[in-house]
Amino acid sequence: MKSFLELAKARSSVRNYLDKPVEEEKLQYILECGRVAPSAANYQPWHIILIREPGMRRKLGATYNRAWFLMAPVVLVICGDHTAGWKRADGKDHTDIDAAIIIDHMTLAAAEQGLGTCWICNFDAALCRKELRLPENLEPVAYLPIGYPGISGDDHARHPNRKSMNEIIHYETF
Protein backbone atom coordinates (compact mmCIF):
# COMPACT_ATOMS: atom_id res chain seq x y z
CA MET A 1 0.00 0.00 0.00
CA LYS A 2 1.28 3.44 -0.92
CA SER A 3 1.84 6.09 1.70
CA PHE A 4 -0.21 9.26 1.36
CA LEU A 5 2.81 11.13 -0.04
CA GLU A 6 3.45 8.38 -2.60
CA LEU A 7 -0.22 8.44 -3.61
CA ALA A 8 -0.23 12.25 -3.92
CA LYS A 9 2.93 12.19 -6.04
CA ALA A 10 1.60 9.38 -8.25
CA ARG A 11 -1.76 11.04 -9.00
CA SER A 12 -1.93 12.85 -12.32
CA SER A 13 -4.51 14.30 -14.68
CA VAL A 14 -5.73 11.57 -17.02
CA ARG A 15 -6.93 12.55 -20.48
CA ASN A 16 -7.25 9.11 -22.02
CA TYR A 17 -9.50 6.35 -20.72
CA LEU A 18 -9.95 2.69 -21.53
CA ASP A 19 -13.32 1.46 -22.71
CA LYS A 20 -13.89 -0.32 -19.42
CA PRO A 21 -16.62 0.36 -16.87
CA VAL A 22 -15.79 1.44 -13.34
CA GLU A 23 -16.89 -1.17 -10.83
CA GLU A 24 -19.76 -0.05 -8.61
CA GLU A 25 -17.88 -0.84 -5.41
CA LYS A 26 -14.94 1.36 -6.49
CA LEU A 27 -17.29 4.18 -7.42
CA GLN A 28 -19.12 3.92 -4.10
CA TYR A 29 -15.78 3.97 -2.27
CA ILE A 30 -14.76 7.16 -4.08
CA LEU A 31 -18.10 8.79 -3.31
CA GLU A 32 -17.83 7.79 0.35
CA CYS A 33 -14.35 9.31 0.54
CA GLY A 34 -15.88 12.53 -0.76
CA ARG A 35 -18.86 12.36 1.56
CA VAL A 36 -16.62 12.35 4.64
CA ALA A 37 -14.55 15.33 3.47
CA PRO A 38 -14.36 18.23 5.89
CA SER A 39 -16.10 21.51 5.19
CA ALA A 40 -16.25 24.90 6.88
CA ALA A 41 -18.46 24.60 10.00
CA ASN A 42 -19.40 21.13 8.67
CA TYR A 43 -22.07 22.71 6.43
CA GLN A 44 -21.27 20.32 3.53
CA PRO A 45 -22.61 22.68 0.82
CA TRP A 46 -22.13 20.28 -2.05
CA HIS A 47 -24.08 18.04 -4.35
CA ILE A 48 -22.69 15.52 -6.82
CA ILE A 49 -24.41 14.64 -10.08
CA LEU A 50 -23.20 11.22 -11.26
CA ILE A 51 -23.28 10.82 -15.03
CA ARG A 52 -22.89 7.38 -16.64
CA GLU A 53 -25.43 7.22 -19.46
CA PRO A 54 -23.79 7.86 -22.87
CA GLY A 55 -26.52 10.32 -23.89
CA MET A 56 -26.02 12.45 -20.79
CA ARG A 57 -22.22 12.25 -21.17
CA ARG A 58 -22.62 13.58 -24.74
CA LYS A 59 -24.80 16.44 -23.47
CA LEU A 60 -22.18 17.23 -20.87
CA GLY A 61 -19.52 16.93 -23.58
CA ALA A 62 -21.19 19.84 -25.37
CA THR A 63 -20.21 22.00 -22.38
CA TYR A 64 -16.54 20.94 -22.60
CA ASN A 65 -15.56 20.22 -26.18
CA ARG A 66 -12.70 17.73 -25.82
CA ALA A 67 -12.90 14.30 -27.47
CA TRP A 68 -11.06 12.58 -24.61
CA PHE A 69 -13.70 13.78 -22.13
CA LEU A 70 -16.30 11.48 -23.73
CA MET A 71 -14.01 8.47 -23.19
CA ALA A 72 -14.49 8.50 -19.41
CA PRO A 73 -17.22 6.05 -18.39
CA VAL A 74 -18.19 8.16 -15.36
CA VAL A 75 -18.31 11.91 -14.86
CA LEU A 76 -19.05 13.52 -11.53
CA VAL A 77 -20.35 17.07 -11.61
CA ILE A 78 -19.57 18.67 -8.29
CA CYS A 79 -21.92 21.51 -7.43
CA GLY A 80 -21.74 24.06 -4.65
CA ASP A 81 -24.76 25.45 -2.86
CA HIS A 82 -23.85 29.04 -2.03
CA THR A 83 -27.00 29.41 0.07
CA ALA A 84 -25.78 26.60 2.33
CA GLY A 85 -22.07 27.43 2.56
CA TRP A 86 -20.41 28.95 5.60
CA LYS A 87 -19.61 32.66 5.36
CA ARG A 88 -16.78 34.26 7.30
CA ALA A 89 -17.54 37.46 9.27
CA ASP A 90 -16.23 39.57 6.37
CA GLY A 91 -18.60 37.79 3.95
CA LYS A 92 -16.06 35.40 2.40
CA ASP A 93 -18.05 32.43 1.05
CA HIS A 94 -16.28 29.09 1.59
CA THR A 95 -18.50 27.03 -0.73
CA ASP A 96 -15.88 26.81 -3.50
CA ILE A 97 -13.19 25.87 -0.98
CA ASP A 98 -15.42 23.13 0.43
CA ALA A 99 -16.10 21.85 -3.10
CA ALA A 100 -12.35 21.76 -3.75
CA ILE A 101 -11.82 19.65 -0.63
CA ILE A 102 -14.39 17.03 -1.63
CA ILE A 103 -12.96 16.91 -5.17
CA ASP A 104 -9.44 16.42 -3.83
CA HIS A 105 -10.60 13.58 -1.57
CA MET A 106 -12.25 11.86 -4.55
CA THR A 107 -9.28 12.31 -6.91
CA LEU A 108 -6.96 10.68 -4.40
CA ALA A 109 -9.46 7.91 -3.62
CA ALA A 110 -9.75 7.20 -7.35
CA ALA A 111 -5.95 7.04 -7.69
CA GLU A 112 -5.82 4.63 -4.76
CA GLN A 113 -8.32 2.40 -6.64
CA GLY A 114 -6.18 2.42 -9.81
CA LEU A 115 -8.48 4.88 -11.57
CA GLY A 116 -7.69 8.14 -13.29
CA THR A 117 -9.33 11.53 -13.01
CA CYS A 118 -8.90 15.03 -14.37
CA TRP A 119 -10.16 18.06 -12.50
CA ILE A 120 -12.03 20.24 -15.04
CA CYS A 121 -13.22 23.79 -14.43
CA ASN A 122 -13.08 25.12 -18.02
CA PHE A 123 -16.63 24.35 -19.14
CA ASP A 124 -19.79 26.24 -20.09
CA ALA A 125 -21.43 26.49 -16.66
CA ALA A 126 -24.67 28.01 -18.01
CA LEU A 127 -25.16 25.15 -20.48
CA CYS A 128 -24.25 22.61 -17.79
CA ARG A 129 -26.84 24.15 -15.47
CA LYS A 130 -29.45 23.86 -18.24
CA GLU A 131 -28.59 20.27 -19.26
CA LEU A 132 -28.60 19.03 -15.66
CA ARG A 133 -31.67 21.10 -14.68
CA LEU A 134 -29.85 22.51 -11.69
CA PRO A 135 -31.83 24.68 -9.29
CA GLU A 136 -30.79 28.33 -9.07
CA ASN A 137 -28.92 27.84 -5.78
CA LEU A 138 -26.53 25.22 -7.21
CA GLU A 139 -23.43 26.21 -9.14
CA PRO A 140 -21.54 23.58 -11.14
CA VAL A 141 -18.00 24.00 -9.80
CA ALA A 142 -16.04 21.23 -11.51
CA TYR A 143 -16.22 18.04 -13.52
CA LEU A 144 -14.39 14.94 -12.42
CA PRO A 145 -14.23 12.27 -15.16
CA ILE A 146 -13.29 8.87 -13.73
CA GLY A 147 -12.06 5.76 -15.50
CA TYR A 148 -9.20 3.40 -16.11
CA PRO A 149 -6.25 5.28 -17.61
CA GLY A 150 -5.47 4.53 -21.23
CA ILE A 151 -2.14 5.27 -22.87
CA SER A 152 0.11 7.22 -20.58
CA GLY A 153 -2.23 8.96 -18.21
CA ASP A 154 0.80 10.59 -16.62
CA ASP A 155 0.46 14.36 -16.54
CA HIS A 156 3.68 15.00 -14.65
CA ALA A 157 5.45 16.03 -17.88
CA ARG A 158 3.07 19.01 -18.06
CA HIS A 159 4.22 20.15 -14.63
CA PRO A 160 7.81 18.95 -14.28
CA ASN A 161 8.90 21.34 -11.58
CA ARG A 162 7.40 21.85 -8.17
CA LYS A 163 8.34 24.89 -6.12
CA SER A 164 10.77 24.17 -3.33
CA MET A 165 9.66 24.22 0.31
CA ASN A 166 11.69 27.44 0.75
CA GLU A 167 9.55 29.15 -1.90
CA ILE A 168 6.19 28.33 -0.34
CA ILE A 169 6.68 27.94 3.42
CA HIS A 170 7.00 31.02 5.62
CA TYR A 171 7.53 30.86 9.37
CA GLU A 172 5.73 33.19 11.77
CA THR A 173 5.43 36.07 9.21
CA PHE A 174 5.76 36.48 5.46
C-alpha atoms as a PDB file:
ATOM      1  CA  MET A   1       0.000   0.000   0.000  1.00  0.00           C
ATOM      2  CA  LYS A   2       1.277   3.443  -0.921  1.00  0.00           C
ATOM      3  CA  SER A   3       1.836   6.089   1.701  1.00  0.00           C
ATOM      4  CA  PHE A   4      -0.213   9.256   1.364  1.00  0.00           C
ATOM      5  CA  LEU A   5       2.806  11.130  -0.043  1.00  0.00           C
ATOM      6  CA  GLU A   6       3.449   8.379  -2.604  1.00  0.00           C
ATOM      7  CA  LEU A   7      -0.216   8.443  -3.614  1.00  0.00           C
ATOM      8  CA  ALA A   8      -0.232  12.254  -3.920  1.00  0.00           C
ATOM      9  CA  LYS A   9       2.929  12.193  -6.044  1.00  0.00           C
ATOM     10  CA  ALA A  10       1.600   9.378  -8.247  1.00  0.00           C
ATOM     11  CA  ARG A  11      -1.763  11.040  -9.004  1.00  0.00           C
ATOM     12  CA  SER A  12      -1.927  12.851 -12.319  1.00  0.00           C
ATOM     13  CA  SER A  13      -4.512  14.297 -14.675  1.00  0.00           C
ATOM     14  CA  VAL A  14      -5.734  11.571 -17.020  1.00  0.00           C
ATOM     15  CA  ARG A  15      -6.932  12.554 -20.484  1.00  0.00           C
ATOM     16  CA  ASN A  16      -7.251   9.113 -22.024  1.00  0.00           C
ATOM     17  CA  TYR A  17      -9.497   6.351 -20.717  1.00  0.00           C
ATOM     18  CA  LEU A  18      -9.948   2.686 -21.525  1.00  0.00           C
ATOM     19  CA  ASP A  19     -13.324   1.459 -22.715  1.00  0.00           C
ATOM     20  CA  LYS A  20     -13.886  -0.315 -19.422  1.00  0.00           C
ATOM     21  CA  PRO A  21     -16.624   0.362 -16.870  1.00  0.00           C
ATOM     22  CA  VAL A  22     -15.795   1.440 -13.343  1.00  0.00           C
ATOM     23  CA  GLU A  23     -16.893  -1.171 -10.829  1.00  0.00           C
ATOM     24  CA  GLU A  24     -19.763  -0.046  -8.615  1.00  0.00           C
ATOM     25  CA  GLU A  25     -17.876  -0.839  -5.406  1.00  0.00           C
ATOM     26  CA  LYS A  26     -14.941   1.358  -6.487  1.00  0.00           C
ATOM     27  CA  LEU A  27     -17.289   4.177  -7.420  1.00  0.00           C
ATOM     28  CA  GLN A  28     -19.116   3.921  -4.100  1.00  0.00           C
ATOM     29  CA  TYR A  29     -15.777   3.966  -2.266  1.00  0.00           C
ATOM     30  CA  ILE A  30     -14.756   7.164  -4.083  1.00  0.00           C
ATOM     31  CA  LEU A  31     -18.102   8.788  -3.310  1.00  0.00           C
ATOM     32  CA  GLU A  32     -17.831   7.794   0.351  1.00  0.00           C
ATOM     33  CA  CYS A  33     -14.347   9.312   0.541  1.00  0.00           C
ATOM     34  CA  GLY A  34     -15.883  12.529  -0.763  1.00  0.00           C
ATOM     35  CA  ARG A  35     -18.855  12.355   1.558  1.00  0.00           C
ATOM     36  CA  VAL A  36     -16.624  12.347   4.637  1.00  0.00           C
ATOM     37  CA  ALA A  37     -14.551  15.331   3.467  1.00  0.00           C
ATOM     38  CA  PRO A  38     -14.359  18.230   5.890  1.00  0.00           C
ATOM     39  CA  SER A  39     -16.105  21.512   5.189  1.00  0.00           C
ATOM     40  CA  ALA A  40     -16.251  24.897   6.884  1.00  0.00           C
ATOM     41  CA  ALA A  41     -18.456  24.601  10.001  1.00  0.00           C
ATOM     42  CA  ASN A  42     -19.404  21.125   8.673  1.00  0.00           C
ATOM     43  CA  TYR A  43     -22.073  22.706   6.431  1.00  0.00           C
ATOM     44  CA  GLN A  44     -21.274  20.324   3.532  1.00  0.00           C
ATOM     45  CA  PRO A  45     -22.611  22.682   0.823  1.00  0.00           C
ATOM     46  CA  TRP A  46     -22.126  20.279  -2.052  1.00  0.00           C
ATOM     47  CA  HIS A  47     -24.079  18.035  -4.347  1.00  0.00           C
ATOM     48  CA  ILE A  48     -22.688  15.519  -6.822  1.00  0.00           C
ATOM     49  CA  ILE A  49     -24.415  14.640 -10.077  1.00  0.00           C
ATOM     50  CA  LEU A  50     -23.200  11.222 -11.255  1.00  0.00           C
ATOM     51  CA  ILE A  51     -23.282  10.820 -15.034  1.00  0.00           C
ATOM     52  CA  ARG A  52     -22.887   7.378 -16.644  1.00  0.00           C
ATOM     53  CA  GLU A  53     -25.432   7.223 -19.460  1.00  0.00           C
ATOM     54  CA  PRO A  54     -23.792   7.858 -22.869  1.00  0.00           C
ATOM     55  CA  GLY A  55     -26.520  10.323 -23.892  1.00  0.00           C
ATOM     56  CA  MET A  56     -26.016  12.445 -20.788  1.00  0.00           C
ATOM     57  CA  ARG A  57     -22.220  12.255 -21.166  1.00  0.00           C
ATOM     58  CA  ARG A  58     -22.619  13.580 -24.738  1.00  0.00           C
ATOM     59  CA  LYS A  59     -24.800  16.442 -23.474  1.00  0.00           C
ATOM     60  CA  LEU A  60     -22.177  17.233 -20.871  1.00  0.00           C
ATOM     61  CA  GLY A  61     -19.525  16.928 -23.582  1.00  0.00           C
ATOM     62  CA  ALA A  62     -21.186  19.845 -25.371  1.00  0.00           C
ATOM     63  CA  THR A  63     -20.207  22.005 -22.383  1.00  0.00           C
ATOM     64  CA  TYR A  64     -16.544  20.938 -22.604  1.00  0.00           C
ATOM     65  CA  ASN A  65     -15.557  20.222 -26.181  1.00  0.00           C
ATOM     66  CA  ARG A  66     -12.705  17.731 -25.820  1.00  0.00           C
ATOM     67  CA  ALA A  67     -12.899  14.298 -27.469  1.00  0.00           C
ATOM     68  CA  TRP A  68     -11.057  12.585 -24.610  1.00  0.00           C
ATOM     69  CA  PHE A  69     -13.704  13.781 -22.131  1.00  0.00           C
ATOM     70  CA  LEU A  70     -16.301  11.475 -23.725  1.00  0.00           C
ATOM     71  CA  MET A  71     -14.009   8.468 -23.186  1.00  0.00           C
ATOM     72  CA  ALA A  72     -14.494   8.505 -19.411  1.00  0.00           C
ATOM     73  CA  PRO A  73     -17.217   6.048 -18.387  1.00  0.00           C
ATOM     74  CA  VAL A  74     -18.193   8.160 -15.361  1.00  0.00           C
ATOM     75  CA  VAL A  75     -18.314  11.906 -14.857  1.00  0.00           C
ATOM     76  CA  LEU A  76     -19.046  13.515 -11.532  1.00  0.00           C
ATOM     77  CA  VAL A  77     -20.351  17.067 -11.607  1.00  0.00           C
ATOM     78  CA  ILE A  78     -19.569  18.670  -8.287  1.00  0.00           C
ATOM     79  CA  CYS A  79     -21.917  21.509  -7.430  1.00  0.00           C
ATOM     80  CA  GLY A  80     -21.738  24.055  -4.650  1.00  0.00           C
ATOM     81  CA  ASP A  81     -24.765  25.455  -2.862  1.00  0.00           C
ATOM     82  CA  HIS A  82     -23.849  29.040  -2.028  1.00  0.00           C
ATOM     83  CA  THR A  83     -27.003  29.408   0.065  1.00  0.00           C
ATOM     84  CA  ALA A  84     -25.782  26.596   2.326  1.00  0.00           C
ATOM     85  CA  GLY A  85     -22.073  27.428   2.564  1.00  0.00           C
ATOM     86  CA  TRP A  86     -20.406  28.951   5.598  1.00  0.00           C
ATOM     87  CA  LYS A  87     -19.613  32.664   5.359  1.00  0.00           C
ATOM     88  CA  ARG A  88     -16.777  34.260   7.301  1.00  0.00           C
ATOM     89  CA  ALA A  89     -17.544  37.461   9.265  1.00  0.00           C
ATOM     90  CA  ASP A  90     -16.231  39.570   6.373  1.00  0.00           C
ATOM     91  CA  GLY A  91     -18.600  37.786   3.953  1.00  0.00           C
ATOM     92  CA  LYS A  92     -16.056  35.402   2.395  1.00  0.00           C
ATOM     93  CA  ASP A  93     -18.046  32.427   1.047  1.00  0.00           C
ATOM     94  CA  HIS A  94     -16.283  29.090   1.593  1.00  0.00           C
ATOM     95  CA  THR A  95     -18.497  27.029  -0.731  1.00  0.00           C
ATOM     96  CA  ASP A  96     -15.881  26.811  -3.496  1.00  0.00           C
ATOM     97  CA  ILE A  97     -13.194  25.868  -0.978  1.00  0.00           C
ATOM     98  CA  ASP A  98     -15.416  23.126   0.431  1.00  0.00           C
ATOM     99  CA  ALA A  99     -16.100  21.850  -3.102  1.00  0.00           C
ATOM    100  CA  ALA A 100     -12.345  21.763  -3.751  1.00  0.00           C
ATOM    101  CA  ILE A 101     -11.820  19.654  -0.631  1.00  0.00           C
ATOM    102  CA  ILE A 102     -14.389  17.028  -1.633  1.00  0.00           C
ATOM    103  CA  ILE A 103     -12.955  16.914  -5.165  1.00  0.00           C
ATOM    104  CA  ASP A 104      -9.439  16.417  -3.833  1.00  0.00           C
ATOM    105  CA  HIS A 105     -10.602  13.578  -1.573  1.00  0.00           C
ATOM    106  CA  MET A 106     -12.252  11.862  -4.549  1.00  0.00           C
ATOM    107  CA  THR A 107      -9.283  12.315  -6.914  1.00  0.00           C
ATOM    108  CA  LEU A 108      -6.960  10.682  -4.395  1.00  0.00           C
ATOM    109  CA  ALA A 109      -9.461   7.912  -3.624  1.00  0.00           C
ATOM    110  CA  ALA A 110      -9.745   7.196  -7.355  1.00  0.00           C
ATOM    111  CA  ALA A 111      -5.955   7.042  -7.691  1.00  0.00           C
ATOM    112  CA  GLU A 112      -5.821   4.629  -4.760  1.00  0.00           C
ATOM    113  CA  GLN A 113      -8.316   2.398  -6.638  1.00  0.00           C
ATOM    114  CA  GLY A 114      -6.180   2.417  -9.813  1.00  0.00           C
ATOM    115  CA  LEU A 115      -8.482   4.877 -11.570  1.00  0.00           C
ATOM    116  CA  GLY A 116      -7.687   8.141 -13.291  1.00  0.00           C
ATOM    117  CA  THR A 117      -9.332  11.535 -13.015  1.00  0.00           C
ATOM    118  CA  CYS A 118      -8.903  15.028 -14.375  1.00  0.00           C
ATOM    119  CA  TRP A 119     -10.158  18.064 -12.499  1.00  0.00           C
ATOM    120  CA  ILE A 120     -12.034  20.241 -15.037  1.00  0.00           C
ATOM    121  CA  CYS A 121     -13.216  23.785 -14.434  1.00  0.00           C
ATOM    122  CA  ASN A 122     -13.083  25.124 -18.021  1.00  0.00           C
ATOM    123  CA  PHE A 123     -16.631  24.346 -19.139  1.00  0.00           C
ATOM    124  CA  ASP A 124     -19.786  26.236 -20.094  1.00  0.00           C
ATOM    125  CA  ALA A 125     -21.431  26.494 -16.662  1.00  0.00           C
ATOM    126  CA  ALA A 126     -24.668  28.012 -18.006  1.00  0.00           C
ATOM    127  CA  LEU A 127     -25.156  25.145 -20.483  1.00  0.00           C
ATOM    128  CA  CYS A 128     -24.246  22.606 -17.789  1.00  0.00           C
ATOM    129  CA  ARG A 129     -26.836  24.148 -15.475  1.00  0.00           C
ATOM    130  CA  LYS A 130     -29.449  23.863 -18.238  1.00  0.00           C
ATOM    131  CA  GLU A 131     -28.591  20.273 -19.258  1.00  0.00           C
ATOM    132  CA  LEU A 132     -28.599  19.029 -15.658  1.00  0.00           C
ATOM    133  CA  ARG A 133     -31.669  21.103 -14.685  1.00  0.00           C
ATOM    134  CA  LEU A 134     -29.850  22.513 -11.686  1.00  0.00           C
ATOM    135  CA  PRO A 135     -31.834  24.682  -9.293  1.00  0.00           C
ATOM    136  CA  GLU A 136     -30.786  28.335  -9.066  1.00  0.00           C
ATOM    137  CA  ASN A 137     -28.924  27.836  -5.775  1.00  0.00           C
ATOM    138  CA  LEU A 138     -26.532  25.218  -7.213  1.00  0.00           C
ATOM    139  CA  GLU A 139     -23.434  26.207  -9.142  1.00  0.00           C
ATOM    140  CA  PRO A 140     -21.543  23.581 -11.138  1.00  0.00           C
ATOM    141  CA  VAL A 141     -18.002  24.003  -9.800  1.00  0.00           C
ATOM    142  CA  ALA A 142     -16.041  21.233 -11.514  1.00  0.00           C
ATOM    143  CA  TYR A 143     -16.223  18.041 -13.518  1.00  0.00           C
ATOM    144  CA  LEU A 144     -14.388  14.936 -12.419  1.00  0.00           C
ATOM    145  CA  PRO A 145     -14.232  12.273 -15.157  1.00  0.00           C
ATOM    146  CA  ILE A 146     -13.291   8.870 -13.730  1.00  0.00           C
ATOM    147  CA  GLY A 147     -12.061   5.761 -15.505  1.00  0.00           C
ATOM    148  CA  TYR A 148      -9.198   3.398 -16.107  1.00  0.00           C
ATOM    149  CA  PRO A 149      -6.248   5.283 -17.607  1.00  0.00           C
ATOM    150  CA  GLY A 150      -5.470   4.531 -21.229  1.00  0.00           C
ATOM    151  CA  ILE A 151      -2.144   5.269 -22.868  1.00  0.00           C
ATOM    152  CA  SER A 152       0.113   7.219 -20.580  1.00  0.00           C
ATOM    153  CA  GLY A 153      -2.230   8.962 -18.206  1.00  0.00           C
ATOM    154  CA  ASP A 154       0.801  10.588 -16.623  1.00  0.00           C
ATOM    155  CA  ASP A 155       0.455  14.357 -16.540  1.00  0.00           C
ATOM    156  CA  HIS A 156       3.683  14.996 -14.646  1.00  0.00           C
ATOM    157  CA  ALA A 157       5.446  16.033 -17.885  1.00  0.00           C
ATOM    158  CA  ARG A 158       3.065  19.006 -18.064  1.00  0.00           C
ATOM    159  CA  HIS A 159       4.215  20.149 -14.629  1.00  0.00           C
ATOM    160  CA  PRO A 160       7.806  18.948 -14.280  1.00  0.00           C
ATOM    161  CA  ASN A 161       8.896  21.340 -11.583  1.00  0.00           C
ATOM    162  CA  ARG A 162       7.398  21.848  -8.173  1.00  0.00           C
ATOM    163  CA  LYS A 163       8.336  24.886  -6.120  1.00  0.00           C
ATOM    164  CA  SER A 164      10.769  24.168  -3.329  1.00  0.00           C
ATOM    165  CA  MET A 165       9.663  24.225   0.306  1.00  0.00           C
ATOM    166  CA  ASN A 166      11.691  27.437   0.749  1.00  0.00           C
ATOM    167  CA  GLU A 167       9.554  29.153  -1.896  1.00  0.00           C
ATOM    168  CA  ILE A 168       6.189  28.331  -0.335  1.00  0.00           C
ATOM    169  CA  ILE A 169       6.679  27.937   3.419  1.00  0.00           C
ATOM    170  CA  HIS A 170       7.002  31.022   5.624  1.00  0.00           C
ATOM    171  CA  TYR A 171       7.527  30.859   9.367  1.00  0.00           C
ATOM    172  CA  GLU A 172       5.732  33.191  11.767  1.00  0.00           C
ATOM    173  CA  THR A 173       5.431  36.070   9.207  1.00  0.00           C
ATOM    174  CA  PHE A 174       5.763  36.476   5.460  1.00  0.00           C
END
